[in-house]
Amino acid sequence: MNTGSPDQIDFNFDKNNLCREESVTDLKVGSIRCLRPIKPDGADDENRMTIFVGHTQLHSPQGLVPLQCPLKATTLKQAIEEFPGAMKIALEEMVERAKQMQAQQAAQKENESRIITPGR
């Protein structure tokens, strides 16, 4: 969101992109958000597809780590079947990004000079 003054922030809903949100969980592994398209009057919008998003949390030494990813599904049954594989891929991608960030930080530390030169 824009952090400008309140007059500069647009709080208008996009009436052509409304969804009703539902959440389904197994109370153990995670949850699936179902974003069902609706029209401005609240009726189902059959011209747009439902969006499914998987969510879970992983335990780490630093605390809980949220993990989410879109699910390639058109029905809840497909989303449930897609969930395990999609979460594994999302976890692998998150671990790879973390390794890349650690490598970048290590490279920056190597390039930092701890010697202070007079006149600079």
N, C-alpha and C. Protein backbone atom coordinates (compact mmCIF):
# COMPACT_ATOMS: atom_id res chain seq x y z
N MET A 1 0.85 -1.17 0.00
CA MET A 1 0.00 0.00 0.00
C MET A 1 0.89 1.23 0.00
N ASN A 2 0.47 2.27 -0.64
CA ASN A 2 1.19 3.53 -0.69
C ASN A 2 1.20 4.15 0.71
N THR A 3 2.38 4.63 1.15
CA THR A 3 2.48 5.20 2.49
C THR A 3 2.36 6.72 2.48
N GLY A 4 1.80 7.29 1.41
CA GLY A 4 1.62 8.73 1.31
C GLY A 4 0.50 9.20 2.23
N SER A 5 0.09 10.42 2.02
CA SER A 5 -0.97 10.97 2.86
C SER A 5 -2.29 10.25 2.56
N PRO A 6 -3.23 10.30 3.51
CA PRO A 6 -4.52 9.62 3.30
C PRO A 6 -5.25 10.06 2.03
N ASP A 7 -5.03 11.30 1.61
CA ASP A 7 -5.68 11.78 0.38
C ASP A 7 -5.12 11.11 -0.87
N GLN A 8 -3.91 10.56 -0.79
CA GLN A 8 -3.27 9.94 -1.95
C GLN A 8 -3.56 8.45 -2.07
N ILE A 9 -4.16 7.86 -1.06
CA ILE A 9 -4.42 6.43 -1.05
C ILE A 9 -5.80 6.16 -1.64
N ASP A 10 -5.85 5.23 -2.58
CA ASP A 10 -7.12 4.87 -3.22
C ASP A 10 -7.74 3.69 -2.47
N PHE A 11 -8.83 3.94 -1.75
CA PHE A 11 -9.50 2.90 -0.97
C PHE A 11 -10.70 2.30 -1.70
N ASN A 12 -10.85 2.57 -3.00
CA ASN A 12 -11.99 2.06 -3.76
C ASN A 12 -11.80 0.60 -4.13
N PHE A 13 -12.83 -0.19 -3.90
CA PHE A 13 -12.83 -1.60 -4.29
C PHE A 13 -12.87 -1.69 -5.81
N ASP A 14 -12.20 -2.72 -6.35
CA ASP A 14 -12.31 -3.04 -7.77
C ASP A 14 -13.56 -3.90 -7.92
N LYS A 15 -14.67 -3.28 -8.31
CA LYS A 15 -15.96 -3.97 -8.37
C LYS A 15 -15.99 -5.10 -9.39
N ASN A 16 -15.02 -5.12 -10.30
CA ASN A 16 -14.96 -6.18 -11.32
C ASN A 16 -14.07 -7.34 -10.89
N ASN A 17 -13.52 -7.30 -9.68
CA ASN A 17 -12.60 -8.34 -9.24
C ASN A 17 -12.91 -8.79 -7.81
N LEU A 18 -14.19 -8.90 -7.48
CA LEU A 18 -14.59 -9.29 -6.13
C LEU A 18 -14.61 -10.80 -5.97
N CYS A 19 -14.22 -11.26 -4.77
CA CYS A 19 -14.24 -12.69 -4.45
C CYS A 19 -14.78 -12.88 -3.04
N ARG A 20 -15.45 -13.99 -2.85
CA ARG A 20 -15.88 -14.41 -1.51
C ARG A 20 -14.81 -15.40 -1.04
N GLU A 21 -14.31 -15.18 0.16
CA GLU A 21 -13.23 -16.03 0.66
C GLU A 21 -13.76 -17.07 1.63
N GLU A 22 -13.37 -18.31 1.39
CA GLU A 22 -13.70 -19.41 2.29
C GLU A 22 -12.40 -20.10 2.66
N SER A 23 -12.36 -20.73 3.80
CA SER A 23 -11.17 -21.45 4.22
C SER A 23 -11.56 -22.87 4.60
N VAL A 24 -10.76 -23.82 4.13
CA VAL A 24 -10.99 -25.23 4.42
C VAL A 24 -9.71 -25.76 5.08
N THR A 25 -9.85 -26.48 6.19
CA THR A 25 -8.68 -27.02 6.88
C THR A 25 -8.93 -28.43 7.35
N ASP A 26 -7.83 -29.17 7.50
CA ASP A 26 -7.93 -30.51 8.07
C ASP A 26 -7.52 -30.49 9.55
N LEU A 27 -7.25 -29.32 10.09
CA LEU A 27 -6.85 -29.09 11.48
C LEU A 27 -5.52 -29.74 11.84
N LYS A 28 -4.74 -30.19 10.84
CA LYS A 28 -3.44 -30.79 11.11
C LYS A 28 -2.35 -30.20 10.23
N VAL A 29 -2.53 -30.27 8.94
CA VAL A 29 -1.45 -29.94 8.00
C VAL A 29 -1.51 -28.49 7.53
N GLY A 30 -2.68 -27.99 7.25
CA GLY A 30 -2.76 -26.64 6.72
C GLY A 30 -4.17 -26.28 6.35
N SER A 31 -4.27 -25.30 5.46
CA SER A 31 -5.58 -24.85 5.01
C SER A 31 -5.52 -24.48 3.53
N ILE A 32 -6.68 -24.44 2.94
CA ILE A 32 -6.82 -24.03 1.54
C ILE A 32 -7.81 -22.88 1.52
N ARG A 33 -7.36 -21.75 0.99
CA ARG A 33 -8.25 -20.60 0.80
C ARG A 33 -8.93 -20.76 -0.55
N CYS A 34 -10.23 -20.61 -0.57
CA CYS A 34 -11.01 -20.67 -1.81
C CYS A 34 -11.53 -19.26 -2.07
N LEU A 35 -11.08 -18.66 -3.14
CA LEU A 35 -11.52 -17.32 -3.51
C LEU A 35 -12.51 -17.47 -4.66
N ARG A 36 -13.80 -17.37 -4.31
CA ARG A 36 -14.87 -17.59 -5.28
C ARG A 36 -15.31 -16.25 -5.86
N PRO A 37 -15.21 -16.09 -7.19
CA PRO A 37 -15.60 -14.81 -7.81
C PRO A 37 -17.08 -14.51 -7.61
N ILE A 38 -17.34 -13.26 -7.30
CA ILE A 38 -18.73 -12.81 -7.16
C ILE A 38 -18.90 -11.49 -7.90
N LYS A 39 -20.16 -11.17 -8.18
CA LYS A 39 -20.53 -9.89 -8.79
C LYS A 39 -20.77 -8.87 -7.69
N PRO A 40 -20.82 -7.60 -8.02
CA PRO A 40 -21.04 -6.57 -6.99
C PRO A 40 -22.31 -6.77 -6.16
N ASP A 41 -23.30 -7.49 -6.72
CA ASP A 41 -24.53 -7.73 -5.94
C ASP A 41 -24.41 -8.96 -5.05
N GLY A 42 -23.24 -9.63 -5.06
CA GLY A 42 -23.02 -10.80 -4.21
C GLY A 42 -23.31 -12.12 -4.88
N ALA A 43 -23.88 -12.09 -6.09
CA ALA A 43 -24.17 -13.33 -6.82
C ALA A 43 -22.87 -13.94 -7.35
N ASP A 44 -22.85 -15.26 -7.48
CA ASP A 44 -21.67 -15.93 -8.04
C ASP A 44 -21.40 -15.44 -9.44
N ASP A 45 -20.13 -15.25 -9.77
CA ASP A 45 -19.71 -14.84 -11.11
C ASP A 45 -19.17 -16.07 -11.82
N GLU A 46 -20.01 -16.70 -12.61
CA GLU A 46 -19.67 -17.95 -13.30
C GLU A 46 -18.65 -17.75 -14.43
N ASN A 47 -18.37 -16.50 -14.81
CA ASN A 47 -17.44 -16.23 -15.91
C ASN A 47 -15.99 -16.25 -15.47
N ARG A 48 -15.74 -16.31 -14.15
CA ARG A 48 -14.37 -16.34 -13.65
C ARG A 48 -14.15 -17.60 -12.82
N MET A 49 -12.92 -18.05 -12.78
CA MET A 49 -12.57 -19.30 -12.09
C MET A 49 -12.30 -19.04 -10.60
N THR A 50 -12.61 -20.02 -9.77
CA THR A 50 -12.26 -19.98 -8.37
C THR A 50 -10.74 -20.12 -8.24
N ILE A 51 -10.16 -19.38 -7.32
CA ILE A 51 -8.73 -19.44 -7.07
C ILE A 51 -8.52 -20.18 -5.76
N PHE A 52 -7.58 -21.14 -5.76
CA PHE A 52 -7.27 -21.91 -4.56
C PHE A 52 -5.82 -21.61 -4.16
N VAL A 53 -5.62 -21.35 -2.85
CA VAL A 53 -4.29 -21.04 -2.33
C VAL A 53 -4.05 -21.91 -1.11
N GLY A 54 -2.95 -22.66 -1.13
CA GLY A 54 -2.59 -23.50 0.00
C GLY A 54 -1.78 -22.74 1.03
N HIS A 55 -2.03 -23.02 2.32
CA HIS A 55 -1.31 -22.38 3.43
C HIS A 55 -0.91 -23.43 4.44
N THR A 56 0.28 -23.27 5.01
CA THR A 56 0.71 -24.09 6.14
C THR A 56 1.74 -23.31 6.92
N GLN A 57 2.16 -23.84 8.05
CA GLN A 57 3.21 -23.22 8.86
C GLN A 57 4.22 -24.29 9.23
N LEU A 58 5.49 -23.91 9.16
CA LEU A 58 6.58 -24.82 9.51
C LEU A 58 7.22 -24.35 10.80
N HIS A 59 7.64 -25.29 11.63
CA HIS A 59 8.34 -24.94 12.86
C HIS A 59 9.83 -24.80 12.55
N SER A 60 10.43 -23.72 13.05
CA SER A 60 11.87 -23.51 12.89
C SER A 60 12.42 -23.03 14.23
N PRO A 61 13.74 -23.03 14.38
CA PRO A 61 14.32 -22.52 15.63
C PRO A 61 13.94 -21.06 15.91
N GLN A 62 13.63 -20.30 14.86
CA GLN A 62 13.25 -18.91 15.02
C GLN A 62 11.74 -18.73 15.21
N GLY A 63 10.99 -19.79 15.17
CA GLY A 63 9.54 -19.73 15.32
C GLY A 63 8.82 -20.27 14.10
N LEU A 64 7.53 -19.98 14.01
CA LEU A 64 6.73 -20.47 12.90
C LEU A 64 7.05 -19.70 11.62
N VAL A 65 7.13 -20.44 10.53
CA VAL A 65 7.39 -19.85 9.21
C VAL A 65 6.18 -20.13 8.33
N PRO A 66 5.48 -19.09 7.87
CA PRO A 66 4.33 -19.33 6.99
C PRO A 66 4.78 -19.74 5.60
N LEU A 67 4.04 -20.62 4.99
CA LEU A 67 4.32 -21.08 3.63
C LEU A 67 3.00 -21.12 2.89
N GLN A 68 2.97 -20.51 1.71
CA GLN A 68 1.75 -20.52 0.91
C GLN A 68 2.11 -20.58 -0.56
N CYS A 69 1.18 -21.07 -1.36
CA CYS A 69 1.37 -21.10 -2.81
C CYS A 69 0.02 -21.29 -3.49
N PRO A 70 -0.07 -20.82 -4.74
CA PRO A 70 -1.31 -21.06 -5.50
C PRO A 70 -1.41 -22.54 -5.84
N LEU A 71 -2.62 -23.03 -5.91
CA LEU A 71 -2.87 -24.43 -6.28
C LEU A 71 -3.51 -24.46 -7.66
N LYS A 72 -2.97 -25.26 -8.54
CA LYS A 72 -3.51 -25.37 -9.90
C LYS A 72 -4.69 -26.34 -9.86
N ALA A 73 -5.85 -25.79 -9.55
CA ALA A 73 -7.04 -26.61 -9.39
C ALA A 73 -8.27 -25.81 -9.79
N THR A 74 -9.29 -26.54 -10.20
CA THR A 74 -10.57 -25.90 -10.52
C THR A 74 -11.67 -26.33 -9.56
N THR A 75 -11.37 -27.34 -8.72
CA THR A 75 -12.32 -27.81 -7.72
C THR A 75 -11.60 -27.99 -6.39
N LEU A 76 -12.34 -28.02 -5.31
CA LEU A 76 -11.74 -28.24 -4.00
C LEU A 76 -11.06 -29.60 -3.95
N LYS A 77 -11.67 -30.62 -4.53
CA LYS A 77 -11.07 -31.96 -4.53
C LYS A 77 -9.70 -31.93 -5.21
N GLN A 78 -9.60 -31.24 -6.34
CA GLN A 78 -8.31 -31.12 -7.03
C GLN A 78 -7.31 -30.35 -6.17
N ALA A 79 -7.77 -29.30 -5.49
CA ALA A 79 -6.89 -28.50 -4.64
C ALA A 79 -6.32 -29.34 -3.51
N ILE A 80 -7.15 -30.20 -2.91
CA ILE A 80 -6.70 -31.08 -1.83
C ILE A 80 -5.64 -32.05 -2.35
N GLU A 81 -5.84 -32.57 -3.55
CA GLU A 81 -4.87 -33.49 -4.14
C GLU A 81 -3.58 -32.78 -4.53
N GLU A 82 -3.68 -31.54 -4.95
CA GLU A 82 -2.54 -30.73 -5.39
C GLU A 82 -1.70 -30.24 -4.20
N PHE A 83 -2.32 -30.09 -3.04
CA PHE A 83 -1.70 -29.46 -1.87
C PHE A 83 -0.33 -30.03 -1.50
N PRO A 84 -0.17 -31.34 -1.29
CA PRO A 84 1.13 -31.85 -0.82
C PRO A 84 2.28 -31.53 -1.78
N GLY A 85 2.09 -31.80 -3.05
CA GLY A 85 3.15 -31.55 -4.03
C GLY A 85 3.47 -30.07 -4.17
N ALA A 86 2.43 -29.23 -4.17
CA ALA A 86 2.65 -27.79 -4.29
C ALA A 86 3.39 -27.24 -3.08
N MET A 87 3.07 -27.73 -1.89
CA MET A 87 3.76 -27.28 -0.68
C MET A 87 5.23 -27.70 -0.70
N LYS A 88 5.51 -28.91 -1.16
CA LYS A 88 6.91 -29.36 -1.25
C LYS A 88 7.70 -28.46 -2.20
N ILE A 89 7.12 -28.12 -3.32
CA ILE A 89 7.79 -27.25 -4.29
C ILE A 89 7.99 -25.86 -3.69
N ALA A 90 6.98 -25.33 -3.02
CA ALA A 90 7.09 -24.01 -2.39
C ALA A 90 8.17 -24.01 -1.31
N LEU A 91 8.28 -25.10 -0.56
CA LEU A 91 9.31 -25.21 0.46
C LEU A 91 10.70 -25.23 -0.17
N GLU A 92 10.86 -26.02 -1.23
CA GLU A 92 12.14 -26.08 -1.93
C GLU A 92 12.54 -24.71 -2.46
N GLU A 93 11.58 -23.98 -3.02
CA GLU A 93 11.87 -22.64 -3.55
C GLU A 93 12.24 -21.68 -2.42
N MET A 94 11.57 -21.79 -1.28
CA MET A 94 11.86 -20.91 -0.15
C MET A 94 13.27 -21.20 0.39
N VAL A 95 13.63 -22.47 0.50
CA VAL A 95 14.96 -22.84 0.98
C VAL A 95 16.03 -22.33 0.01
N GLU A 96 15.77 -22.47 -1.29
CA GLU A 96 16.73 -21.99 -2.29
C GLU A 96 16.90 -20.48 -2.20
N ARG A 97 15.81 -19.74 -2.04
CA ARG A 97 15.91 -18.27 -1.89
C ARG A 97 16.69 -17.91 -0.63
N ALA A 98 16.47 -18.64 0.46
CA ALA A 98 17.20 -18.37 1.70
C ALA A 98 18.70 -18.61 1.51
N LYS A 99 19.05 -19.68 0.80
CA LYS A 99 20.47 -19.95 0.52
C LYS A 99 21.08 -18.84 -0.32
N GLN A 100 20.34 -18.37 -1.31
CA GLN A 100 20.84 -17.28 -2.15
C GLN A 100 21.04 -16.01 -1.34
N MET A 101 20.11 -15.71 -0.46
CA MET A 101 20.23 -14.52 0.38
C MET A 101 21.44 -14.64 1.32
N GLN A 102 21.67 -15.84 1.88
CA GLN A 102 22.82 -16.05 2.76
C GLN A 102 24.11 -15.86 1.97
N ALA A 103 24.16 -16.37 0.75
CA ALA A 103 25.36 -16.23 -0.07
C ALA A 103 25.61 -14.76 -0.40
N GLN A 104 24.55 -14.01 -0.70
CA GLN A 104 24.71 -12.59 -1.00
C GLN A 104 25.21 -11.83 0.23
N GLN A 105 24.67 -12.16 1.39
CA GLN A 105 25.11 -11.48 2.62
C GLN A 105 26.56 -11.81 2.93
N ALA A 106 26.96 -13.06 2.71
CA ALA A 106 28.35 -13.45 2.95
C ALA A 106 29.27 -12.71 1.99
N ALA A 107 28.86 -12.58 0.72
CA ALA A 107 29.68 -11.87 -0.26
C ALA A 107 29.80 -10.40 0.11
N GLN A 108 28.73 -9.80 0.60
CA GLN A 108 28.79 -8.39 1.01
C GLN A 108 29.74 -8.20 2.18
N LYS A 109 29.72 -9.12 3.13
CA LYS A 109 30.61 -9.01 4.28
C LYS A 109 32.07 -9.12 3.85
N GLU A 110 32.35 -9.98 2.88
CA GLU A 110 33.72 -10.13 2.38
C GLU A 110 34.20 -8.86 1.70
N ASN A 111 33.29 -8.16 1.03
CA ASN A 111 33.65 -6.94 0.30
C ASN A 111 33.74 -5.71 1.19
N GLU A 112 33.20 -5.78 2.39
CA GLU A 112 33.24 -4.63 3.28
C GLU A 112 34.65 -4.48 3.84
N SER A 113 35.15 -3.28 3.79
CA SER A 113 36.46 -2.99 4.34
C SER A 113 36.28 -2.51 5.77
N ARG A 114 37.05 -3.07 6.67
CA ARG A 114 36.98 -2.67 8.06
C ARG A 114 38.07 -1.64 8.39
N ILE A 115 38.87 -1.30 7.39
CA ILE A 115 39.93 -0.32 7.59
C ILE A 115 39.40 1.06 7.24
N ILE A 116 39.57 1.99 8.15
CA ILE A 116 39.13 3.36 7.90
C ILE A 116 40.34 4.13 7.38
N THR A 117 40.21 4.70 6.19
CA THR A 117 41.29 5.44 5.58
C THR A 117 41.08 6.93 5.80
N PRO A 118 42.07 7.62 6.35
CA PRO A 118 41.92 9.07 6.55
C PRO A 118 41.75 9.78 5.21
N GLY A 119 40.94 10.80 5.20
CA GLY A 119 40.74 11.60 4.01
C GLY A 119 39.66 11.08 3.08
N ARG A 120 39.02 10.03 3.43
CA ARG A 120 37.95 9.48 2.57
C ARG A 120 36.62 9.73 3.19
